[in-house]
C-alpha cells in the first residue's frame, strides 16, 4: 500500500500594497512621526552631551595636566559625534522615504513587508512555485493572493 508523503514547510510571503490616498496619508504620518522622534533624540543627545562635557571640563580645570580626563573628553566627543551622525543618517533615510511616498503614483504596487506562513508539499509539487506567494492589500484589505497555496 502506498503511503501519502506530505511535508509541512515554512515560507516567507511578501506583502504588497496598492497606493491609495489613504495609504499615502498613513505612510506620511508614520514617517513624519519617526522624523519627529529622531529630532527629539537629537535634542536629548545634545543636552546630555553638553552636561557631560561641562562636567569633564570642570574636572580638567581642577586637575590641569590630567591626561586621563583629556582622553575621556575626546572619547565622549567622539561618541557624541558618532551617535549624532547615526541619528542624522536615519533622519535622512526617513526624509527620502517621505519624498518617495509623496511622488509614488496612485494604484502602484509597493512592498509593505513580509510575513511567514506554513504550507504543505507532496511528491510532484513544484516547490519553486509554492515558495512564490504574495498578498496584495488595498487600504489594509486583501485584494488578491498570488501564487500557489
Protein backbone atom coordinates (compact mmCIF):
# COMPACT_ATOMS: atom_id res chain seq x y z
CA UNK A 1 0.00 0.00 0.00
CA UNK A 2 1.41 3.39 -1.00
CA UNK A 3 1.53 5.93 1.78
CA UNK A 4 0.96 9.58 1.05
CA UNK A 5 4.05 11.67 1.72
CA UNK A 6 3.35 15.24 2.75
CA UNK A 7 5.61 17.74 4.43
CA UNK A 8 4.87 21.00 6.24
CA UNK A 9 7.29 23.82 5.38
CA UNK A 10 7.55 27.48 6.27
CA UNK A 11 7.85 30.22 3.65
CA UNK A 12 8.15 34.00 3.51
CA UNK A 13 5.15 35.72 1.97
CA UNK A 14 5.67 39.18 0.52
CA UNK A 15 3.03 41.78 1.31
CA UNK A 16 2.36 44.45 -1.29
CA UNK A 17 0.01 47.41 -1.05
CA UNK A 18 -1.84 49.31 -3.72
CA UNK A 19 -1.10 53.02 -3.33
CA UNK A 20 -4.25 54.95 -2.44
CA UNK A 21 -4.74 58.42 -0.95
CA UNK A 22 -5.31 56.74 2.44
CA UNK A 23 -2.11 54.67 2.09
CA UNK A 24 -0.12 57.82 1.24
CA UNK A 25 -1.59 59.70 4.20
CA UNK A 26 -0.84 56.87 6.66
CA UNK A 27 2.70 56.36 5.32
CA UNK A 28 3.42 60.10 5.55
CA UNK A 29 2.09 60.25 9.12
CA UNK A 30 4.22 57.29 10.16
CA UNK A 31 7.39 58.67 8.57
CA UNK A 32 6.78 62.16 9.98
CA UNK A 33 6.31 60.63 13.43
CA UNK A 34 9.63 58.78 13.09
CA UNK A 35 11.34 62.00 11.96
CA UNK A 36 9.91 63.90 14.94
CA UNK A 37 11.09 61.12 17.27
CA UNK A 38 14.61 61.31 15.83
CA UNK A 39 14.59 65.11 16.27
CA UNK A 40 13.69 64.58 19.93
CA UNK A 41 16.52 62.07 20.31
CA UNK A 42 18.94 64.53 18.72
CA UNK A 43 17.91 67.27 21.19
CA UNK A 44 18.23 64.88 24.12
CA UNK A 45 21.66 63.74 22.90
CA UNK A 46 22.78 67.35 22.54
CA UNK A 47 21.70 68.22 26.10
CA UNK A 48 23.30 65.10 27.60
CA UNK A 49 26.48 65.80 25.66
CA UNK A 50 26.67 69.37 26.90
CA UNK A 51 26.18 68.22 30.52
CA UNK A 52 28.86 65.53 30.22
CA UNK A 53 31.34 67.85 28.52
CA UNK A 54 30.69 70.58 31.08
CA UNK A 55 31.40 68.18 33.97
CA UNK A 56 34.53 66.83 32.33
CA UNK A 57 35.82 70.34 31.62
CA UNK A 58 35.27 71.28 35.28
CA UNK A 59 37.33 68.24 36.28
CA UNK A 60 40.00 69.22 33.77
CA UNK A 61 40.18 72.73 35.28
CA UNK A 62 40.61 71.35 38.82
CA UNK A 63 43.20 68.81 37.66
CA UNK A 64 45.26 70.51 34.94
CA UNK A 65 47.57 68.17 33.06
CA UNK A 66 45.50 65.05 33.87
CA UNK A 67 45.75 63.10 30.60
CA UNK A 68 43.02 60.64 31.62
CA UNK A 69 40.45 63.44 31.75
CA UNK A 70 41.64 64.80 28.39
CA UNK A 71 41.29 61.31 26.94
CA UNK A 72 37.80 60.98 28.44
CA UNK A 73 36.77 64.31 26.88
CA UNK A 74 37.97 63.11 23.46
CA UNK A 75 36.15 59.77 23.84
CA UNK A 76 32.90 61.42 24.90
CA UNK A 77 33.13 63.88 21.99
CA UNK A 78 33.78 61.04 19.53
CA UNK A 79 30.85 59.01 20.89
CA UNK A 80 28.51 62.00 20.74
CA UNK A 81 29.54 62.74 17.15
CA UNK A 82 29.05 59.10 16.18
CA UNK A 83 25.59 58.90 17.81
CA UNK A 84 24.57 62.19 16.22
CA UNK A 85 25.78 61.01 12.82
CA UNK A 86 23.78 57.76 13.12
CA UNK A 87 20.60 59.65 14.04
CA UNK A 88 21.08 62.14 11.18
CA UNK A 89 21.56 59.24 8.79
CA UNK A 90 18.28 57.66 9.98
CA UNK A 91 16.52 61.01 9.61
CA UNK A 92 17.84 61.43 6.05
CA UNK A 93 16.61 57.94 5.13
CA UNK A 94 13.16 58.78 6.50
CA UNK A 95 13.12 62.09 4.62
CA UNK A 96 14.00 60.27 1.39
CA UNK A 97 11.23 57.73 2.03
CA UNK A 98 8.81 60.57 2.73
CA UNK A 99 9.70 62.13 -0.62
CA UNK A 100 9.22 58.77 -2.36
CA UNK A 101 5.79 58.33 -0.72
CA UNK A 102 4.73 61.78 -1.91
CA UNK A 103 5.75 61.08 -5.52
CA UNK A 104 4.63 57.45 -5.95
CA UNK A 105 1.73 57.04 -8.37
CA UNK A 106 -1.73 56.13 -7.16
CA UNK A 107 -2.65 52.48 -7.89
CA UNK A 108 1.05 51.50 -7.99
CA UNK A 109 2.02 48.39 -6.00
CA UNK A 110 4.67 48.89 -3.31
CA UNK A 111 6.37 46.48 -0.92
CA UNK A 112 4.79 46.63 2.50
CA UNK A 113 6.65 43.91 4.38
CA UNK A 114 6.85 40.17 4.87
CA UNK A 115 5.10 37.50 6.92
CA UNK A 116 5.73 33.81 7.32
CA UNK A 117 3.26 31.04 6.56
CA UNK A 118 3.22 27.27 6.63
CA UNK A 119 2.36 25.22 3.57
CA UNK A 120 2.15 21.59 2.60
CA UNK A 121 4.15 19.94 -0.15
CA UNK A 122 3.97 16.48 -1.55
CA UNK A 123 5.60 14.40 -4.24
CA UNK A 124 5.22 16.01 -7.64
CA UNK A 125 4.62 19.56 -6.31
CA UNK A 126 6.61 22.43 -7.81
CA UNK A 127 8.44 23.78 -4.76
CA UNK A 128 9.65 26.94 -6.51
CA UNK A 129 6.08 27.92 -7.40
CA UNK A 130 4.82 27.15 -3.89
CA UNK A 131 7.50 29.41 -2.42
CA UNK A 132 6.48 32.38 -4.60
CA UNK A 133 3.38 33.67 -2.85
CA UNK A 134 2.41 37.27 -2.19
CA UNK A 135 -0.57 39.09 -0.76
CA UNK A 136 -1.91 42.30 -2.29
CA UNK A 137 -3.64 44.79 0.03
CA UNK A 138 -5.71 47.86 -0.65
CA UNK A 139 -6.20 50.05 2.44
CA UNK A 140 -5.46 47.02 4.63
CA UNK A 141 -7.95 44.68 2.90
CA UNK A 142 -6.68 41.64 1.00
CA UNK A 143 -7.45 42.09 -2.69
CA UNK A 144 -5.53 39.12 -4.07
CA UNK A 145 -3.39 36.18 -3.02
CA UNK A 146 -0.91 35.45 -5.77
CA UNK A 147 0.82 32.12 -6.22
CA UNK A 148 0.14 28.52 -5.25
CA UNK A 149 -1.19 27.92 -1.80
